[in-house]
PDB file of all heavy atoms in Angstrom:
ATOM      1  N   THR A   1      -7.905   6.645   4.080  1.00  0.00           N
ATOM      2  CA  THR A   1      -8.108   7.843   3.270  1.00  0.00           C
ATOM      3  C   THR A   1      -6.764   8.439   2.893  1.00  0.00           C
ATOM      4  O   THR A   1      -5.743   8.155   3.507  1.00  0.00           O
ATOM      5  CB  THR A   1      -8.931   8.900   4.036  1.00  0.00           C
ATOM      6  OG1 THR A   1      -8.201   9.299   5.194  1.00  0.00           O
ATOM      7  CG2 THR A   1     -10.293   8.368   4.417  1.00  0.00           C
ATOM      8  N   LEU A   2      -6.806   9.253   1.913  1.00  0.00           N
ATOM      9  CA  LEU A   2      -5.615   9.933   1.425  1.00  0.00           C
ATOM     10  C   LEU A   2      -5.474  11.235   2.202  1.00  0.00           C
ATOM     11  O   LEU A   2      -6.096  12.230   1.889  1.00  0.00           O
ATOM     12  CB  LEU A   2      -5.787  10.207  -0.074  1.00  0.00           C
ATOM     13  CG  LEU A   2      -4.608  10.713  -0.853  1.00  0.00           C
ATOM     14  CD1 LEU A   2      -3.448   9.734  -0.796  1.00  0.00           C
ATOM     15  CD2 LEU A   2      -5.018  10.931  -2.298  1.00  0.00           C
ATOM     16  N   GLN A   3      -4.666  11.209   3.248  1.00  0.00           N
ATOM     17  CA  GLN A   3      -4.560  12.357   4.142  1.00  0.00           C
ATOM     18  C   GLN A   3      -3.657  13.444   3.599  1.00  0.00           C
ATOM     19  O   GLN A   3      -3.858  14.621   3.887  1.00  0.00           O
ATOM     20  CB  GLN A   3      -4.042  11.912   5.510  1.00  0.00           C
ATOM     21  CG  GLN A   3      -4.982  10.979   6.211  1.00  0.00           C
ATOM     22  CD  GLN A   3      -4.391  10.456   7.505  1.00  0.00           C
ATOM     23  OE1 GLN A   3      -3.207  10.584   7.772  1.00  0.00           O
ATOM     24  NE2 GLN A   3      -5.236   9.855   8.317  1.00  0.00           N
ATOM     25  N   SER A   4      -2.640  13.071   2.844  1.00  0.00           N
ATOM     26  CA  SER A   4      -1.657  14.033   2.383  1.00  0.00           C
ATOM     27  C   SER A   4      -1.291  13.746   0.937  1.00  0.00           C
ATOM     28  O   SER A   4      -1.111  12.591   0.548  1.00  0.00           O
ATOM     29  CB  SER A   4      -0.411  13.950   3.261  1.00  0.00           C
ATOM     30  OG  SER A   4       0.558  14.875   2.847  1.00  0.00           O
ATOM     31  N   ILE A   5      -1.161  14.813   0.147  1.00  0.00           N
ATOM     32  CA  ILE A   5      -0.792  14.705  -1.265  1.00  0.00           C
ATOM     33  C   ILE A   5       0.475  15.520  -1.477  1.00  0.00           C
ATOM     34  O   ILE A   5       0.528  16.693  -1.112  1.00  0.00           O
ATOM     35  CB  ILE A   5      -1.902  15.240  -2.178  1.00  0.00           C
ATOM     36  CG1 ILE A   5      -3.185  14.428  -1.989  1.00  0.00           C
ATOM     37  CG2 ILE A   5      -1.458  15.248  -3.638  1.00  0.00           C
ATOM     38  CD1 ILE A   5      -4.409  15.040  -2.635  1.00  0.00           C
ATOM     39  N   LEU A   6       1.487  14.906  -2.077  1.00  0.00           N
ATOM     40  CA  LEU A   6       2.697  15.626  -2.457  1.00  0.00           C
ATOM     41  C   LEU A   6       2.548  16.012  -3.919  1.00  0.00           C
ATOM     42  O   LEU A   6       2.465  15.157  -4.794  1.00  0.00           O
ATOM     43  CB  LEU A   6       3.938  14.753  -2.263  1.00  0.00           C
ATOM     44  CG  LEU A   6       5.260  15.384  -2.702  1.00  0.00           C
ATOM     45  CD1 LEU A   6       5.570  16.629  -1.875  1.00  0.00           C
ATOM     46  CD2 LEU A   6       6.389  14.376  -2.594  1.00  0.00           C
ATOM     47  N   LEU A   7       2.484  17.309  -4.171  1.00  0.00           N
ATOM     48  CA  LEU A   7       2.365  17.820  -5.532  1.00  0.00           C
ATOM     49  C   LEU A   7       3.709  18.411  -5.935  1.00  0.00           C
ATOM     50  O   LEU A   7       4.047  19.533  -5.567  1.00  0.00           O
ATOM     51  CB  LEU A   7       1.259  18.878  -5.615  1.00  0.00           C
ATOM     52  CG  LEU A   7       1.068  19.607  -6.949  1.00  0.00           C
ATOM     53  CD1 LEU A   7       0.863  18.619  -8.076  1.00  0.00           C
ATOM     54  CD2 LEU A   7      -0.093  20.555  -6.859  1.00  0.00           C
ATOM     55  N   ALA A   8       4.494  17.598  -6.633  1.00  0.00           N
ATOM     56  CA  ALA A   8       5.799  18.064  -7.124  1.00  0.00           C
ATOM     57  C   ALA A   8       5.556  18.773  -8.447  1.00  0.00           C
ATOM     58  O   ALA A   8       4.845  18.267  -9.309  1.00  0.00           O
ATOM     59  CB  ALA A   8       6.736  16.887  -7.310  1.00  0.00           C
ATOM     60  N   THR A   9       6.130  19.950  -8.591  1.00  0.00           N
ATOM     61  CA  THR A   9       5.884  20.748  -9.779  1.00  0.00           C
ATOM     62  C   THR A   9       7.174  21.230 -10.413  1.00  0.00           C
ATOM     63  O   THR A   9       8.157  21.474  -9.728  1.00  0.00           O
ATOM     64  CB  THR A   9       4.977  21.952  -9.453  1.00  0.00           C
ATOM     65  OG1 THR A   9       4.746  22.688 -10.649  1.00  0.00           O
ATOM     66  CG2 THR A   9       5.593  22.855  -8.401  1.00  0.00           C
ATOM     67  N   ASP A  10       7.130  21.358 -11.739  1.00  0.00           N
ATOM     68  CA  ASP A  10       8.252  21.932 -12.471  1.00  0.00           C
ATOM     69  C   ASP A  10       7.854  23.250 -13.130  1.00  0.00           C
ATOM     70  O   ASP A  10       8.616  23.818 -13.898  1.00  0.00           O
ATOM     71  CB  ASP A  10       8.802  20.945 -13.499  1.00  0.00           C
ATOM     72  CG  ASP A  10       7.752  20.503 -14.505  1.00  0.00           C
ATOM     73  OD1 ASP A  10       6.622  21.038 -14.489  1.00  0.00           O
ATOM     74  OD2 ASP A  10       8.058  19.624 -15.324  1.00  0.00           O
ATOM     75  N   PHE A  11       6.649  23.717 -12.849  1.00  0.00           N
ATOM     76  CA  PHE A  11       6.110  24.989 -13.338  1.00  0.00           C
ATOM     77  C   PHE A  11       5.878  25.027 -14.848  1.00  0.00           C
ATOM     78  O   PHE A  11       5.712  26.087 -15.417  1.00  0.00           O
ATOM     79  CB  PHE A  11       7.002  26.179 -12.935  1.00  0.00           C
ATOM     80  CG  PHE A  11       7.281  26.254 -11.465  1.00  0.00           C
ATOM     81  CD1 PHE A  11       8.591  26.326 -11.015  1.00  0.00           C
ATOM     82  CD2 PHE A  11       6.257  26.245 -10.540  1.00  0.00           C
ATOM     83  CE1 PHE A  11       8.873  26.401  -9.661  1.00  0.00           C
ATOM     84  CE2 PHE A  11       6.526  26.310  -9.187  1.00  0.00           C
ATOM     85  CZ  PHE A  11       7.832  26.394  -8.748  1.00  0.00           C
ATOM     86  N   HIS A  12       5.809  23.894 -15.512  1.00  0.00           N
ATOM     87  CA  HIS A  12       5.503  23.872 -16.936  1.00  0.00           C
ATOM     88  C   HIS A  12       3.994  23.949 -17.152  1.00  0.00           C
ATOM     89  O   HIS A  12       3.206  23.707 -16.219  1.00  0.00           O
ATOM     90  CB  HIS A  12       6.078  22.620 -17.589  1.00  0.00           C
ATOM     91  CG  HIS A  12       7.550  22.724 -17.791  1.00  0.00           C
ATOM     92  ND1 HIS A  12       8.407  21.692 -17.550  1.00  0.00           N
ATOM     93  CD2 HIS A  12       8.344  23.749 -18.206  1.00  0.00           C
ATOM     94  CE1 HIS A  12       9.638  22.062 -17.800  1.00  0.00           C
ATOM     95  NE2 HIS A  12       9.630  23.305 -18.196  1.00  0.00           N
ATOM     96  N   PRO A  13       3.555  24.275 -18.366  1.00  0.00           N
ATOM     97  CA  PRO A  13       2.120  24.430 -18.634  1.00  0.00           C
ATOM     98  C   PRO A  13       1.265  23.216 -18.278  1.00  0.00           C
ATOM     99  O   PRO A  13       0.116  23.378 -17.887  1.00  0.00           O
ATOM    100  CB  PRO A  13       2.077  24.709 -20.142  1.00  0.00           C
ATOM    101  CG  PRO A  13       3.398  25.328 -20.448  1.00  0.00           C
ATOM    102  CD  PRO A  13       4.376  24.650 -19.521  1.00  0.00           C
ATOM    103  N   HIS A  14       1.787  22.016 -18.391  1.00  0.00           N
ATOM    104  CA  HIS A  14       1.001  20.829 -18.052  1.00  0.00           C
ATOM    105  C   HIS A  14       0.685  20.752 -16.557  1.00  0.00           C
ATOM    106  O   HIS A  14      -0.108  19.932 -16.127  1.00  0.00           O
ATOM    107  CB  HIS A  14       1.717  19.550 -18.503  1.00  0.00           C
ATOM    108  CG  HIS A  14       2.972  19.280 -17.747  1.00  0.00           C
ATOM    109  ND1 HIS A  14       4.185  19.798 -18.120  1.00  0.00           N
ATOM    110  CD2 HIS A  14       3.195  18.564 -16.628  1.00  0.00           C
ATOM    111  CE1 HIS A  14       5.108  19.407 -17.255  1.00  0.00           C
ATOM    112  NE2 HIS A  14       4.541  18.654 -16.331  1.00  0.00           N
ATOM    113  N   GLN A  15       1.301  21.623 -15.783  1.00  0.00           N
ATOM    114  CA  GLN A  15       1.071  21.660 -14.333  1.00  0.00           C
ATOM    115  C   GLN A  15      -0.410  21.814 -13.992  1.00  0.00           C
ATOM    116  O   GLN A  15      -0.871  21.290 -12.990  1.00  0.00           O
ATOM    117  CB  GLN A  15       1.879  22.805 -13.743  1.00  0.00           C
ATOM    118  CG  GLN A  15       1.380  23.319 -12.419  1.00  0.00           C
ATOM    119  CD  GLN A  15       2.118  24.573 -12.024  1.00  0.00           C
ATOM    120  OE1 GLN A  15       3.326  24.537 -11.874  1.00  0.00           O
ATOM    121  NE2 GLN A  15       1.403  25.650 -11.865  1.00  0.00           N
ATOM    122  N   GLU A  16      -1.166  22.510 -14.823  1.00  0.00           N
ATOM    123  CA  GLU A  16      -2.584  22.743 -14.529  1.00  0.00           C
ATOM    124  C   GLU A  16      -3.359  21.425 -14.437  1.00  0.00           C
ATOM    125  O   GLU A  16      -4.204  21.273 -13.569  1.00  0.00           O
ATOM    126  CB  GLU A  16      -3.202  23.659 -15.580  1.00  0.00           C
ATOM    127  CG  GLU A  16      -4.665  23.956 -15.340  1.00  0.00           C
ATOM    128  CD  GLU A  16      -4.982  24.586 -13.972  1.00  0.00           C
ATOM    129  OE1 GLU A  16      -4.130  25.316 -13.436  1.00  0.00           O
ATOM    130  OE2 GLU A  16      -6.078  24.328 -13.447  1.00  0.00           O
ATOM    131  N   GLU A  17      -3.054  20.483 -15.317  1.00  0.00           N
ATOM    132  CA  GLU A  17      -3.731  19.186 -15.264  1.00  0.00           C
ATOM    133  C   GLU A  17      -3.403  18.449 -13.970  1.00  0.00           C
ATOM    134  O   GLU A  17      -4.272  17.832 -13.354  1.00  0.00           O
ATOM    135  CB  GLU A  17      -3.348  18.340 -16.469  1.00  0.00           C
ATOM    136  CG  GLU A  17      -3.849  18.902 -17.781  1.00  0.00           C
ATOM    137  CD  GLU A  17      -3.320  18.142 -18.974  1.00  0.00           C
ATOM    138  OE1 GLU A  17      -2.870  16.986 -18.811  1.00  0.00           O
ATOM    139  OE2 GLU A  17      -3.345  18.711 -20.072  1.00  0.00           O
ATOM    140  N   VAL A  18      -2.155  18.519 -13.553  1.00  0.00           N
ATOM    141  CA  VAL A  18      -1.726  17.864 -12.319  1.00  0.00           C
ATOM    142  C   VAL A  18      -2.382  18.553 -11.121  1.00  0.00           C
ATOM    143  O   VAL A  18      -2.864  17.895 -10.194  1.00  0.00           O
ATOM    144  CB  VAL A  18      -0.188  17.883 -12.197  1.00  0.00           C
ATOM    145  CG1 VAL A  18       0.268  17.322 -10.867  1.00  0.00           C
ATOM    146  CG2 VAL A  18       0.442  17.122 -13.356  1.00  0.00           C
ATOM    147  N   ALA A  19      -2.430  19.877 -11.146  1.00  0.00           N
ATOM    148  CA  ALA A  19      -3.066  20.634 -10.063  1.00  0.00           C
ATOM    149  C   ALA A  19      -4.554  20.294  -9.979  1.00  0.00           C
ATOM    150  O   ALA A  19      -5.092  20.141  -8.878  1.00  0.00           O
ATOM    151  CB  ALA A  19      -2.864  22.134 -10.279  1.00  0.00           C
ATOM    152  N   GLN A  20      -5.210  20.144 -11.128  1.00  0.00           N
ATOM    153  CA  GLN A  20      -6.633  19.774 -11.132  1.00  0.00           C
ATOM    154  C   GLN A  20      -6.837  18.406 -10.475  1.00  0.00           C
ATOM    155  O   GLN A  20      -7.797  18.215  -9.717  1.00  0.00           O
ATOM    156  CB  GLN A  20      -7.185  19.739 -12.573  1.00  0.00           C
ATOM    157  CG  GLN A  20      -7.382  21.089 -13.176  1.00  0.00           C
ATOM    158  CD  GLN A  20      -8.578  21.811 -12.566  1.00  0.00           C
ATOM    159  OE1 GLN A  20      -9.213  21.385 -11.607  1.00  0.00           O
ATOM    160  NE2 GLN A  20      -8.881  22.954 -13.120  1.00  0.00           N
ATOM    161  N   ALA A  21      -5.966  17.470 -10.773  1.00  0.00           N
ATOM    162  CA  ALA A  21      -6.070  16.144 -10.160  1.00  0.00           C
ATOM    163  C   ALA A  21      -5.886  16.242  -8.651  1.00  0.00           C
ATOM    164  O   ALA A  21      -6.619  15.610  -7.876  1.00  0.00           O
ATOM    165  CB  ALA A  21      -5.038  15.187 -10.764  1.00  0.00           C
ATOM    166  N   ALA A  22      -4.926  17.052  -8.212  1.00  0.00           N
ATOM    167  CA  ALA A  22      -4.704  17.235  -6.774  1.00  0.00           C
ATOM    168  C   ALA A  22      -5.914  17.881  -6.115  1.00  0.00           C
ATOM    169  O   ALA A  22      -6.310  17.498  -5.014  1.00  0.00           O
ATOM    170  CB  ALA A  22      -3.456  18.076  -6.533  1.00  0.00           C
ATOM    171  N   VAL A  23      -6.525  18.846  -6.788  1.00  0.00           N
ATOM    172  CA  VAL A  23      -7.727  19.502  -6.253  1.00  0.00           C
ATOM    173  C   VAL A  23      -8.860  18.493  -6.103  1.00  0.00           C
ATOM    174  O   VAL A  23      -9.526  18.438  -5.068  1.00  0.00           O
ATOM    175  CB  VAL A  23      -8.166  20.687  -7.152  1.00  0.00           C
ATOM    176  CG1 VAL A  23      -9.552  21.184  -6.781  1.00  0.00           C
ATOM    177  CG2 VAL A  23      -7.150  21.819  -7.074  1.00  0.00           C
ATOM    178  N   ARG A  24      -9.066  17.673  -7.126  1.00  0.00           N
ATOM    179  CA  ARG A  24     -10.143  16.667  -7.057  1.00  0.00           C
ATOM    180  C   ARG A  24      -9.893  15.677  -5.922  1.00  0.00           C
ATOM    181  O   ARG A  24     -10.806  15.367  -5.149  1.00  0.00           O
ATOM    182  CB  ARG A  24     -10.277  15.937  -8.392  1.00  0.00           C
ATOM    183  CG  ARG A  24     -10.945  16.779  -9.466  1.00  0.00           C
ATOM    184  CD  ARG A  24     -11.326  15.955 -10.693  1.00  0.00           C
ATOM    185  NE  ARG A  24     -10.205  15.271 -11.316  1.00  0.00           N
ATOM    186  CZ  ARG A  24      -9.416  15.799 -12.253  1.00  0.00           C
ATOM    187  NH1 ARG A  24      -9.617  17.014 -12.674  1.00  0.00           N
ATOM    188  NH2 ARG A  24      -8.444  15.084 -12.776  1.00  0.00           N
ATOM    189  N   LEU A  25      -8.691  15.175  -5.827  1.00  0.00           N
ATOM    190  CA  LEU A  25      -8.373  14.222  -4.762  1.00  0.00           C
ATOM    191  C   LEU A  25      -8.508  14.861  -3.377  1.00  0.00           C
ATOM    192  O   LEU A  25      -9.075  14.263  -2.461  1.00  0.00           O
ATOM    193  CB  LEU A  25      -6.957  13.667  -4.940  1.00  0.00           C
ATOM    194  CG  LEU A  25      -6.758  12.687  -6.076  1.00  0.00           C
ATOM    195  CD1 LEU A  25      -5.275  12.433  -6.300  1.00  0.00           C
ATOM    196  CD2 LEU A  25      -7.501  11.394  -5.805  1.00  0.00           C
ATOM    197  N   ALA A  26      -7.988  16.077  -3.238  1.00  0.00           N
ATOM    198  CA  ALA A  26      -8.055  16.754  -1.941  1.00  0.00           C
ATOM    199  C   ALA A  26      -9.491  17.015  -1.533  1.00  0.00           C
ATOM    200  O   ALA A  26      -9.845  16.875  -0.358  1.00  0.00           O
ATOM    201  CB  ALA A  26      -7.276  18.067  -1.995  1.00  0.00           C
ATOM    202  N   SER A  27     -10.347  17.361  -2.495  1.00  0.00           N
ATOM    203  CA  SER A  27     -11.738  17.645  -2.138  1.00  0.00           C
ATOM    204  C   SER A  27     -12.505  16.366  -1.789  1.00  0.00           C
ATOM    205  O   SER A  27     -13.335  16.361  -0.884  1.00  0.00           O
ATOM    206  CB  SER A  27     -12.452  18.410  -3.254  1.00  0.00           C
ATOM    207  OG  SER A  27     -12.524  17.646  -4.421  1.00  0.00           O
ATOM    208  N   VAL A  28     -12.198  15.276  -2.453  1.00  0.00           N
ATOM    209  CA  VAL A  28     -12.869  14.003  -2.163  1.00  0.00           C
ATOM    210  C   VAL A  28     -12.437  13.444  -0.811  1.00  0.00           C
ATOM    211  O   VAL A  28     -13.254  12.985  -0.017  1.00  0.00           O
ATOM    212  CB  VAL A  28     -12.602  12.966  -3.281  1.00  0.00           C
ATOM    213  CG1 VAL A  28     -13.030  11.569  -2.854  1.00  0.00           C
ATOM    214  CG2 VAL A  28     -13.314  13.372  -4.558  1.00  0.00           C
ATOM    215  N   PHE A  29     -11.139  13.496  -0.522  1.00  0.00           N
ATOM    216  CA  PHE A  29     -10.604  12.871   0.682  1.00  0.00           C
ATOM    217  C   PHE A  29     -10.334  13.833   1.830  1.00  0.00           C
ATOM    218  O   PHE A  29      -9.961  13.404   2.918  1.00  0.00           O
ATOM    219  CB  PHE A  29      -9.301  12.122   0.356  1.00  0.00           C
ATOM    220  CG  PHE A  29      -9.508  10.925  -0.524  1.00  0.00           C
ATOM    221  CD1 PHE A  29      -9.190  10.973  -1.871  1.00  0.00           C
ATOM    222  CD2 PHE A  29     -10.030   9.748  -0.010  1.00  0.00           C
ATOM    223  CE1 PHE A  29      -9.384   9.866  -2.687  1.00  0.00           C
ATOM    224  CE2 PHE A  29     -10.228   8.635  -0.816  1.00  0.00           C
ATOM    225  CZ  PHE A  29      -9.905   8.697  -2.157  1.00  0.00           C
ATOM    226  N   GLY A  30     -10.498  15.145   1.599  1.00  0.00           N
ATOM    227  CA  GLY A  30     -10.175  16.112   2.643  1.00  0.00           C
ATOM    228  C   GLY A  30      -8.683  16.162   2.922  1.00  0.00           C
ATOM    229  O   GLY A  30      -8.256  16.399   4.053  1.00  0.00           O
ATOM    230  N   SER A  31      -7.885  15.944   1.890  1.00  0.00           N
ATOM    231  CA  SER A  31      -6.430  15.867   2.035  1.00  0.00           C
ATOM    232  C   SER A  31      -5.778  17.235   2.133  1.00  0.00           C
ATOM    233  O   SER A  31      -6.280  18.221   1.618  1.00  0.00           O
ATOM    234  CB  SER A  31      -5.825  15.159   0.816  1.00  0.00           C
ATOM    235  OG  SER A  31      -6.473  13.946   0.542  1.00  0.00           O
ATOM    236  N   HIS A  32      -4.627  17.255   2.772  1.00  0.00           N
ATOM    237  CA  HIS A  32      -3.743  18.416   2.754  1.00  0.00           C
ATOM    238  C   HIS A  32      -2.770  18.220   1.599  1.00  0.00           C
ATOM    239  O   HIS A  32      -2.383  17.093   1.301  1.00  0.00           O
ATOM    240  CB  HIS A  32      -2.944  18.523   4.051  1.00  0.00           C
ATOM    241  CG  HIS A  32      -3.790  18.816   5.231  1.00  0.00           C
ATOM    242  ND1 HIS A  32      -4.211  17.846   6.110  1.00  0.00           N
ATOM    243  CD2 HIS A  32      -4.321  19.976   5.675  1.00  0.00           C
ATOM    244  CE1 HIS A  32      -4.944  18.397   7.050  1.00  0.00           C
ATOM    245  NE2 HIS A  32      -5.031  19.691   6.807  1.00  0.00           N
ATOM    246  N   VAL A  33      -2.361  19.314   0.975  1.00  0.00           N
ATOM    247  CA  VAL A  33      -1.435  19.246  -0.151  1.00  0.00           C
ATOM    248  C   VAL A  33      -0.115  19.907   0.231  1.00  0.00           C
ATOM    249  O   VAL A  33      -0.110  21.004   0.795  1.00  0.00           O
ATOM    250  CB  VAL A  33      -2.030  19.919  -1.407  1.00  0.00           C
ATOM    251  CG1 VAL A  33      -1.011  19.969  -2.532  1.00  0.00           C
ATOM    252  CG2 VAL A  33      -3.285  19.184  -1.859  1.00  0.00           C
ATOM    253  N   THR A  34       0.978  19.224  -0.075  1.00  0.00           N
ATOM    254  CA  THR A  34       2.315  19.782   0.090  1.00  0.00           C
ATOM    255  C   THR A  34       2.865  20.057  -1.295  1.00  0.00           C
ATOM    256  O   THR A  34       2.929  19.153  -2.133  1.00  0.00           O
ATOM    257  CB  THR A  34       3.235  18.792   0.830  1.00  0.00           C
ATOM    258  OG1 THR A  34       2.731  18.595   2.152  1.00  0.00           O
ATOM    259  CG2 THR A  34       4.659  19.319   0.910  1.00  0.00           C
ATOM    260  N   LEU A  35       3.249  21.304  -1.544  1.00  0.00           N
ATOM    261  CA  LEU A  35       3.836  21.685  -2.820  1.00  0.00           C
ATOM    262  C   LEU A  35       5.351  21.536  -2.721  1.00  0.00           C
ATOM    263  O   LEU A  35       5.951  21.886  -1.708  1.00  0.00           O
ATOM    264  CB  LEU A  35       3.482  23.123  -3.160  1.00  0.00           C
ATOM    265  CG  LEU A  35       1.991  23.431  -3.272  1.00  0.00           C
ATOM    266  CD1 LEU A  35       1.776  24.906  -3.550  1.00  0.00           C
ATOM    267  CD2 LEU A  35       1.345  22.583  -4.346  1.00  0.00           C
TER     268      LEU A  35
END
């Protein structure tokens, strides 16, 4: 399983799409997210 997700961000508007993907993955796998 995907236990940990590294979400690297540059704070640009496209960040929302990346955050949505991290949310979906975290909810499916029960992952922790590191920003």
